[in-house]
């Protein structure tokens, strides 16, 4: 398999696709392409990007192509035996899938106002009400998952899985932007960021030479 991703410092959807590949335990090759550089427009028109209209991540498995991070999760779940991504308990699995889908389609204010930048840690600042509303909803989801299905594990449903993959970039955003969280949340965020997969991604992001200036300075509000 070959996974095409964007800059590890900035590309939250690439992080999700990459984590899914790592979680599958299947061998894969990664190809990192710098987003928004001088060759970006031409590169994204190539055959490898055609199915996704130039978006990352894109997973190629022979002649099979899968784009969109959640679709990659589901494809790899099937390919790897169906036991590495979602909880075995039906109620937990239903909740995990619902949370992953809500993360996939929602929280636009948080995405817009607090883009991912793993290499930065900005001081706290006043956030817009819609960002705080997104954070409150995320805290509610995390708290429900941990209380109902977390058990003795460190992650949302005990063991690391698809729901944690989908929320991993949120954990990095909370640290980067010094965002306010519930009292229980730092322990979960710490567990995610210290997972070996995340540690590998963060280390690689630190080594990247590419810089996207618009993500390096907090926007004025």
C-alpha atoms as a PDB file:
ATOM      1  CA  UNK A   1       0.000   0.000   0.000  1.00  0.00           C
ATOM      2  CA  UNK A   2       1.027   3.592  -0.588  1.00  0.00           C
ATOM      3  CA  UNK A   3      -0.304   6.499   1.475  1.00  0.00           C
ATOM      4  CA  UNK A   4       0.062  10.029   0.127  1.00  0.00           C
ATOM      5  CA  UNK A   5      -0.005  12.650   2.861  1.00  0.00           C
ATOM      6  CA  UNK A   6       0.708  16.344   3.365  1.00  0.00           C
ATOM      7  CA  UNK A   7       3.070  18.085   5.746  1.00  0.00           C
ATOM      8  CA  UNK A   8       3.194  16.326   9.099  1.00  0.00           C
ATOM      9  CA  UNK A   9       3.376  19.639  10.935  1.00  0.00           C
ATOM     10  CA  UNK A  10       0.078  20.911   9.557  1.00  0.00           C
ATOM     11  CA  UNK A  11      -2.088  18.262   7.884  1.00  0.00           C
ATOM     12  CA  UNK A  12      -4.642  16.947  10.369  1.00  0.00           C
ATOM     13  CA  UNK A  13      -6.447  14.703   7.888  1.00  0.00           C
ATOM     14  CA  UNK A  14      -3.125  13.210   6.800  1.00  0.00           C
ATOM     15  CA  UNK A  15      -2.391  12.403  10.438  1.00  0.00           C
ATOM     16  CA  UNK A  16      -5.652  10.476  10.691  1.00  0.00           C
ATOM     17  CA  UNK A  17      -4.954   8.476   7.538  1.00  0.00           C
ATOM     18  CA  UNK A  18      -1.409   7.725   8.641  1.00  0.00           C
ATOM     19  CA  UNK A  19      -2.513   6.629  12.107  1.00  0.00           C
ATOM     20  CA  UNK A  20      -5.044   4.321  10.489  1.00  0.00           C
ATOM     21  CA  UNK A  21      -2.299   2.692   8.430  1.00  0.00           C
ATOM     22  CA  UNK A  22      -0.131   2.262  11.518  1.00  0.00           C
ATOM     23  CA  UNK A  23      -3.042   0.858  13.523  1.00  0.00           C
ATOM     24  CA  UNK A  24      -3.767  -1.705  10.807  1.00  0.00           C
ATOM     25  CA  UNK A  25      -0.260  -3.185  11.282  1.00  0.00           C
ATOM     26  CA  UNK A  26      -0.137  -3.696   7.515  1.00  0.00           C
ATOM     27  CA  UNK A  27       2.987  -2.687   5.570  1.00  0.00           C
ATOM     28  CA  UNK A  28       2.708   0.590   3.696  1.00  0.00           C
ATOM     29  CA  UNK A  29       4.856   3.199   1.995  1.00  0.00           C
ATOM     30  CA  UNK A  30       4.304   6.855   2.813  1.00  0.00           C
ATOM     31  CA  UNK A  31       4.802   9.711   0.379  1.00  0.00           C
ATOM     32  CA  UNK A  32       4.863  13.173   1.938  1.00  0.00           C
ATOM     33  CA  UNK A  33       4.056  16.049  -0.391  1.00  0.00           C
ATOM     34  CA  UNK A  34       4.465  19.674   0.750  1.00  0.00           C
ATOM     35  CA  UNK A  35       1.143  21.498   0.755  1.00  0.00           C
ATOM     36  CA  UNK A  36       0.769  24.821  -1.051  1.00  0.00           C
ATOM     37  CA  UNK A  37       4.333  25.002  -2.388  1.00  0.00           C
ATOM     38  CA  UNK A  38       5.156  26.282  -5.887  1.00  0.00           C
ATOM     39  CA  UNK A  39       4.409  22.886  -7.447  1.00  0.00           C
ATOM     40  CA  UNK A  40       1.258  22.142  -5.465  1.00  0.00           C
ATOM     41  CA  UNK A  41      -1.335  23.065  -8.081  1.00  0.00           C
ATOM     42  CA  UNK A  42       0.416  21.029 -10.757  1.00  0.00           C
ATOM     43  CA  UNK A  43       1.116  18.080  -8.454  1.00  0.00           C
ATOM     44  CA  UNK A  44      -2.466  17.751  -7.260  1.00  0.00           C
ATOM     45  CA  UNK A  45      -3.643  17.401 -10.851  1.00  0.00           C
ATOM     46  CA  UNK A  46      -1.600  14.201 -11.299  1.00  0.00           C
ATOM     47  CA  UNK A  47      -3.085  10.751 -11.663  1.00  0.00           C
ATOM     48  CA  UNK A  48      -2.367   9.750  -8.064  1.00  0.00           C
ATOM     49  CA  UNK A  49      -4.482  12.654  -6.800  1.00  0.00           C
ATOM     50  CA  UNK A  50      -7.236  12.481  -9.414  1.00  0.00           C
ATOM     51  CA  UNK A  51      -9.682  10.352  -7.374  1.00  0.00           C
ATOM     52  CA  UNK A  52      -9.602  12.830  -4.455  1.00  0.00           C
ATOM     53  CA  UNK A  53      -9.572  16.012  -6.582  1.00  0.00           C
ATOM     54  CA  UNK A  54      -6.162  16.861  -5.185  1.00  0.00           C
ATOM     55  CA  UNK A  55      -6.831  16.319  -1.486  1.00  0.00           C
ATOM     56  CA  UNK A  56      -4.776  14.302   0.998  1.00  0.00           C
ATOM     57  CA  UNK A  57      -4.617  11.658   2.314  1.00  0.00           C
ATOM     58  CA  UNK A  58      -4.956   9.190  -0.529  1.00  0.00           C
ATOM     59  CA  UNK A  59      -4.372   5.465   0.000  1.00  0.00           C
ATOM     60  CA  UNK A  60      -3.474   3.246  -2.955  1.00  0.00           C
ATOM     61  CA  UNK A  61      -3.616  -0.527  -2.528  1.00  0.00           C
ATOM     62  CA  UNK A  62      -2.703  -1.880  -5.932  1.00  0.00           C
ATOM     63  CA  UNK A  63      -5.509  -0.726  -8.211  1.00  0.00           C
ATOM     64  CA  UNK A  64      -7.734   0.106  -5.246  1.00  0.00           C
ATOM     65  CA  UNK A  65      -7.791   3.754  -4.181  1.00  0.00           C
ATOM     66  CA  UNK A  66      -9.337   5.140  -1.005  1.00  0.00           C
ATOM     67  CA  UNK A  67      -9.457   8.809  -0.078  1.00  0.00           C
ATOM     68  CA  UNK A  68     -10.919  10.588   2.940  1.00  0.00           C
ATOM     69  CA  UNK A  69      -9.585   9.610   6.352  1.00  0.00           C
ATOM     70  CA  UNK A  70     -12.722   7.954   7.677  1.00  0.00           C
ATOM     71  CA  UNK A  71     -13.046   5.860   4.519  1.00  0.00           C
ATOM     72  CA  UNK A  72      -9.410   4.820   4.967  1.00  0.00           C
ATOM     73  CA  UNK A  73     -10.181   3.766   8.551  1.00  0.00           C
ATOM     74  CA  UNK A  74     -13.070   1.590   7.382  1.00  0.00           C
ATOM     75  CA  UNK A  75     -11.125   0.093   4.474  1.00  0.00           C
ATOM     76  CA  UNK A  76      -8.201  -0.829   6.699  1.00  0.00           C
ATOM     77  CA  UNK A  77     -10.541  -2.143   9.377  1.00  0.00           C
ATOM     78  CA  UNK A  78     -11.884  -4.657   6.878  1.00  0.00           C
ATOM     79  CA  UNK A  79      -8.480  -5.459   5.395  1.00  0.00           C
ATOM     80  CA  UNK A  80      -6.827  -6.055   8.775  1.00  0.00           C
ATOM     81  CA  UNK A  81      -9.437  -8.432  10.176  1.00  0.00           C
ATOM     82  CA  UNK A  82     -11.980  -6.083  11.765  1.00  0.00           C
ATOM     83  CA  UNK A  83     -10.587  -6.163  15.301  1.00  0.00           C
ATOM     84  CA  UNK A  84      -8.108  -3.267  15.509  1.00  0.00           C
ATOM     85  CA  UNK A  85     -10.213  -0.131  15.127  1.00  0.00           C
ATOM     86  CA  UNK A  86     -13.642  -0.385  16.752  1.00  0.00           C
ATOM     87  CA  UNK A  87     -14.743  -1.751  20.151  1.00  0.00           C
ATOM     88  CA  UNK A  88     -16.096  -5.282  20.190  1.00  0.00           C
ATOM     89  CA  UNK A  89     -19.067  -4.340  22.392  1.00  0.00           C
ATOM     90  CA  UNK A  90     -21.983  -3.301  20.172  1.00  0.00           C
ATOM     91  CA  UNK A  91     -23.017  -0.292  22.265  1.00  0.00           C
ATOM     92  CA  UNK A  92     -19.441   0.957  22.517  1.00  0.00           C
ATOM     93  CA  UNK A  93     -18.894   0.412  18.805  1.00  0.00           C
ATOM     94  CA  UNK A  94     -22.043   2.380  17.938  1.00  0.00           C
ATOM     95  CA  UNK A  95     -20.919   5.282  20.098  1.00  0.00           C
ATOM     96  CA  UNK A  96     -17.369   5.202  18.741  1.00  0.00           C
ATOM     97  CA  UNK A  97     -18.635   5.288  15.157  1.00  0.00           C
ATOM     98  CA  UNK A  98     -21.027   8.133  15.972  1.00  0.00           C
ATOM     99  CA  UNK A  99     -18.244  10.148  17.587  1.00  0.00           C
ATOM    100  CA  UNK A 100     -15.903   9.533  14.666  1.00  0.00           C
ATOM    101  CA  UNK A 101     -18.576  10.633  12.211  1.00  0.00           C
ATOM    102  CA  UNK A 102     -19.336  13.786  14.226  1.00  0.00           C
ATOM    103  CA  UNK A 103     -15.633  14.646  14.295  1.00  0.00           C
ATOM    104  CA  UNK A 104     -15.448  14.015  10.572  1.00  0.00           C
ATOM    105  CA  UNK A 105     -18.267  16.397   9.698  1.00  0.00           C
ATOM    106  CA  UNK A 106     -18.311  18.936  12.521  1.00  0.00           C
ATOM    107  CA  UNK A 107     -16.345  21.350  14.672  1.00  0.00           C
ATOM    108  CA  UNK A 108     -15.747  23.811  11.849  1.00  0.00           C
ATOM    109  CA  UNK A 109     -14.984  26.742  14.138  1.00  0.00           C
ATOM    110  CA  UNK A 110     -12.211  24.850  15.925  1.00  0.00           C
ATOM    111  CA  UNK A 111     -10.709  23.770  12.609  1.00  0.00           C
ATOM    112  CA  UNK A 112     -10.899  27.281  11.164  1.00  0.00           C
ATOM    113  CA  UNK A 113      -9.681  29.294  14.120  1.00  0.00           C
ATOM    114  CA  UNK A 114      -7.117  26.835  15.505  1.00  0.00           C
ATOM    115  CA  UNK A 115      -5.366  25.063  12.609  1.00  0.00           C
ATOM    116  CA  UNK A 116      -3.007  22.222  13.377  1.00  0.00           C
ATOM    117  CA  UNK A 117       0.632  23.148  13.874  1.00  0.00           C
ATOM    118  CA  UNK A 118       2.477  20.497  15.844  1.00  0.00           C
ATOM    119  CA  UNK A 119       5.651  22.589  16.053  1.00  0.00           C
ATOM    120  CA  UNK A 120       4.092  25.552  17.846  1.00  0.00           C
ATOM    121  CA  UNK A 121       2.699  26.288  21.305  1.00  0.00           C
ATOM    122  CA  UNK A 122       0.964  29.662  21.390  1.00  0.00           C
ATOM    123  CA  UNK A 123       0.065  31.432  24.659  1.00  0.00           C
ATOM    124  CA  UNK A 124      -3.589  31.385  25.711  1.00  0.00           C
ATOM    125  CA  UNK A 125      -5.871  33.977  24.143  1.00  0.00           C
ATOM    126  CA  UNK A 126      -9.559  34.721  24.095  1.00  0.00           C
ATOM    127  CA  UNK A 127     -11.383  32.347  21.785  1.00  0.00           C
ATOM    128  CA  UNK A 128     -14.570  32.977  19.863  1.00  0.00           C
ATOM    129  CA  UNK A 129     -17.797  31.616  21.390  1.00  0.00           C
ATOM    130  CA  UNK A 130     -18.213  29.110  18.564  1.00  0.00           C
ATOM    131  CA  UNK A 131     -14.746  27.666  19.255  1.00  0.00           C
ATOM    132  CA  UNK A 132     -15.597  27.308  22.931  1.00  0.00           C
ATOM    133  CA  UNK A 133     -18.870  25.639  21.975  1.00  0.00           C
ATOM    134  CA  UNK A 134     -16.957  23.123  19.833  1.00  0.00           C
ATOM    135  CA  UNK A 135     -14.617  22.418  22.736  1.00  0.00           C
ATOM    136  CA  UNK A 136     -17.503  21.956  25.146  1.00  0.00           C
ATOM    137  CA  UNK A 137     -19.123  19.426  22.832  1.00  0.00           C
ATOM    138  CA  UNK A 138     -15.835  17.548  22.449  1.00  0.00           C
ATOM    139  CA  UNK A 139     -15.401  17.459  26.228  1.00  0.00           C
ATOM    140  CA  UNK A 140     -18.926  16.051  26.561  1.00  0.00           C
ATOM    141  CA  UNK A 141     -18.210  13.322  24.026  1.00  0.00           C
ATOM    142  CA  UNK A 142     -14.896  12.394  25.606  1.00  0.00           C
ATOM    143  CA  UNK A 143     -16.414  12.320  29.090  1.00  0.00           C
ATOM    144  CA  UNK A 144     -19.286  10.077  28.003  1.00  0.00           C
ATOM    145  CA  UNK A 145     -16.981   7.642  26.222  1.00  0.00           C
ATOM    146  CA  UNK A 146     -14.535   7.457  29.116  1.00  0.00           C
ATOM    147  CA  UNK A 147     -17.265   7.060  31.737  1.00  0.00           C
ATOM    148  CA  UNK A 148     -19.226   4.406  29.860  1.00  0.00           C
ATOM    149  CA  UNK A 149     -16.566   2.440  28.044  1.00  0.00           C
ATOM    150  CA  UNK A 150     -13.079   3.646  29.003  1.00  0.00           C
ATOM    151  CA  UNK A 151     -12.632   1.150  31.808  1.00  0.00           C
ATOM    152  CA  UNK A 152      -9.041   0.856  32.985  1.00  0.00           C
ATOM    153  CA  UNK A 153      -7.626   1.924  29.617  1.00  0.00           C
ATOM    154  CA  UNK A 154      -6.095   5.279  28.768  1.00  0.00           C
ATOM    155  CA  UNK A 155      -8.178   5.970  25.678  1.00  0.00           C
ATOM    156  CA  UNK A 156     -11.781   6.821  24.855  1.00  0.00           C
ATOM    157  CA  UNK A 157     -12.920   3.208  24.650  1.00  0.00           C
ATOM    158  CA  UNK A 158     -10.129   1.658  26.657  1.00  0.00           C
ATOM    159  CA  UNK A 159      -7.700   0.599  23.941  1.00  0.00           C
ATOM    160  CA  UNK A 160      -6.420   2.941  21.250  1.00  0.00           C
ATOM    161  CA  UNK A 161      -8.717   2.818  18.235  1.00  0.00           C
ATOM    162  CA  UNK A 162     -10.519   4.658  15.475  1.00  0.00           C
ATOM    163  CA  UNK A 163     -12.191   7.219  17.738  1.00  0.00           C
ATOM    164  CA  UNK A 164      -8.815   8.222  19.158  1.00  0.00           C
ATOM    165  CA  UNK A 165      -7.408   8.420  15.635  1.00  0.00           C
ATOM    166  CA  UNK A 166     -10.156  10.828  14.620  1.00  0.00           C
ATOM    167  CA  UNK A 167      -9.655  13.046  17.683  1.00  0.00           C
ATOM    168  CA  UNK A 168      -5.831  12.936  17.738  1.00  0.00           C
ATOM    169  CA  UNK A 169      -5.462  16.228  15.790  1.00  0.00           C
ATOM    170  CA  UNK A 170      -7.803  17.865  18.306  1.00  0.00           C
ATOM    171  CA  UNK A 171      -5.377  16.861  21.043  1.00  0.00           C
ATOM    172  CA  UNK A 172      -2.530  18.544  19.174  1.00  0.00           C
ATOM    173  CA  UNK A 173      -4.636  21.672  18.598  1.00  0.00           C
ATOM    174  CA  UNK A 174      -5.471  21.929  22.300  1.00  0.00           C
ATOM    175  CA  UNK A 175      -1.761  21.954  23.132  1.00  0.00           C
ATOM    176  CA  UNK A 176      -0.768  24.275  20.274  1.00  0.00           C
ATOM    177  CA  UNK A 177      -3.426  26.861  21.105  1.00  0.00           C
ATOM    178  CA  UNK A 178      -3.458  26.415  24.909  1.00  0.00           C
ATOM    179  CA  UNK A 179      -7.192  25.769  24.773  1.00  0.00           C
ATOM    180  CA  UNK A 180      -9.300  25.360  27.932  1.00  0.00           C
ATOM    181  CA  UNK A 181     -10.383  21.797  28.657  1.00  0.00           C
ATOM    182  CA  UNK A 182     -12.198  19.853  31.368  1.00  0.00           C
ATOM    183  CA  UNK A 183     -10.200  18.590  34.349  1.00  0.00           C
ATOM    184  CA  UNK A 184     -10.217  14.981  33.161  1.00  0.00           C
ATOM    185  CA  UNK A 185      -9.016  15.810  29.633  1.00  0.00           C
ATOM    186  CA  UNK A 186      -5.254  16.431  30.126  1.00  0.00           C
ATOM    187  CA  UNK A 187      -4.689  12.793  31.111  1.00  0.00           C
ATOM    188  CA  UNK A 188      -6.382  11.595  27.926  1.00  0.00           C
ATOM    189  CA  UNK A 189      -4.559  14.158  25.758  1.00  0.00           C
ATOM    190  CA  UNK A 190      -1.250  13.108  27.310  1.00  0.00           C
ATOM    191  CA  UNK A 191      -1.991   9.446  26.582  1.00  0.00           C
ATOM    192  CA  UNK A 192      -2.745  10.220  22.929  1.00  0.00           C
ATOM    193  CA  UNK A 193       0.286  12.426  22.386  1.00  0.00           C
ATOM    194  CA  UNK A 194       2.598   9.890  24.043  1.00  0.00           C
ATOM    195  CA  UNK A 195       1.284   6.938  22.052  1.00  0.00           C
ATOM    196  CA  UNK A 196       4.233   5.556  20.039  1.00  0.00           C
ATOM    197  CA  UNK A 197       2.516   6.328  16.732  1.00  0.00           C
ATOM    198  CA  UNK A 198       2.001   9.984  17.703  1.00  0.00           C
ATOM    199  CA  UNK A 199       5.533  10.248  18.996  1.00  0.00           C
ATOM    200  CA  UNK A 200       6.873   9.070  15.639  1.00  0.00           C
ATOM    201  CA  UNK A 201       4.665  11.546  13.753  1.00  0.00           C
ATOM    202  CA  UNK A 202       5.598  14.473  16.022  1.00  0.00           C
ATOM    203  CA  UNK A 203       9.308  13.700  15.707  1.00  0.00           C
ATOM    204  CA  UNK A 204       9.031  13.619  11.916  1.00  0.00           C
ATOM    205  CA  UNK A 205       7.103  16.903  11.919  1.00  0.00           C
ATOM    206  CA  UNK A 206       9.933  18.564  13.836  1.00  0.00           C
ATOM    207  CA  UNK A 207      12.378  17.518  11.130  1.00  0.00           C
ATOM    208  CA  UNK A 208      10.396  18.978   8.223  1.00  0.00           C
ATOM    209  CA  UNK A 209      11.897  22.009   6.532  1.00  0.00           C
ATOM    210  CA  UNK A 210       8.655  23.267   4.966  1.00  0.00           C
ATOM    211  CA  UNK A 211       6.943  26.267   6.557  1.00  0.00           C
ATOM    212  CA  UNK A 212       3.431  27.520   5.795  1.00  0.00           C
ATOM    213  CA  UNK A 213       3.471  31.088   7.075  1.00  0.00           C
ATOM    214  CA  UNK A 214      -0.297  31.420   7.477  1.00  0.00           C
ATOM    215  CA  UNK A 215      -0.204  28.714  10.147  1.00  0.00           C
ATOM    216  CA  UNK A 216       2.800  30.117  11.993  1.00  0.00           C
ATOM    217  CA  UNK A 217       1.234  33.297  13.374  1.00  0.00           C
ATOM    218  CA  UNK A 218      -2.083  33.435  15.243  1.00  0.00           C
ATOM    219  CA  UNK A 219      -4.686  35.301  13.214  1.00  0.00           C
ATOM    220  CA  UNK A 220      -5.896  38.590  14.616  1.00  0.00           C
ATOM    221  CA  UNK A 221      -9.394  38.483  16.079  1.00  0.00           C
END
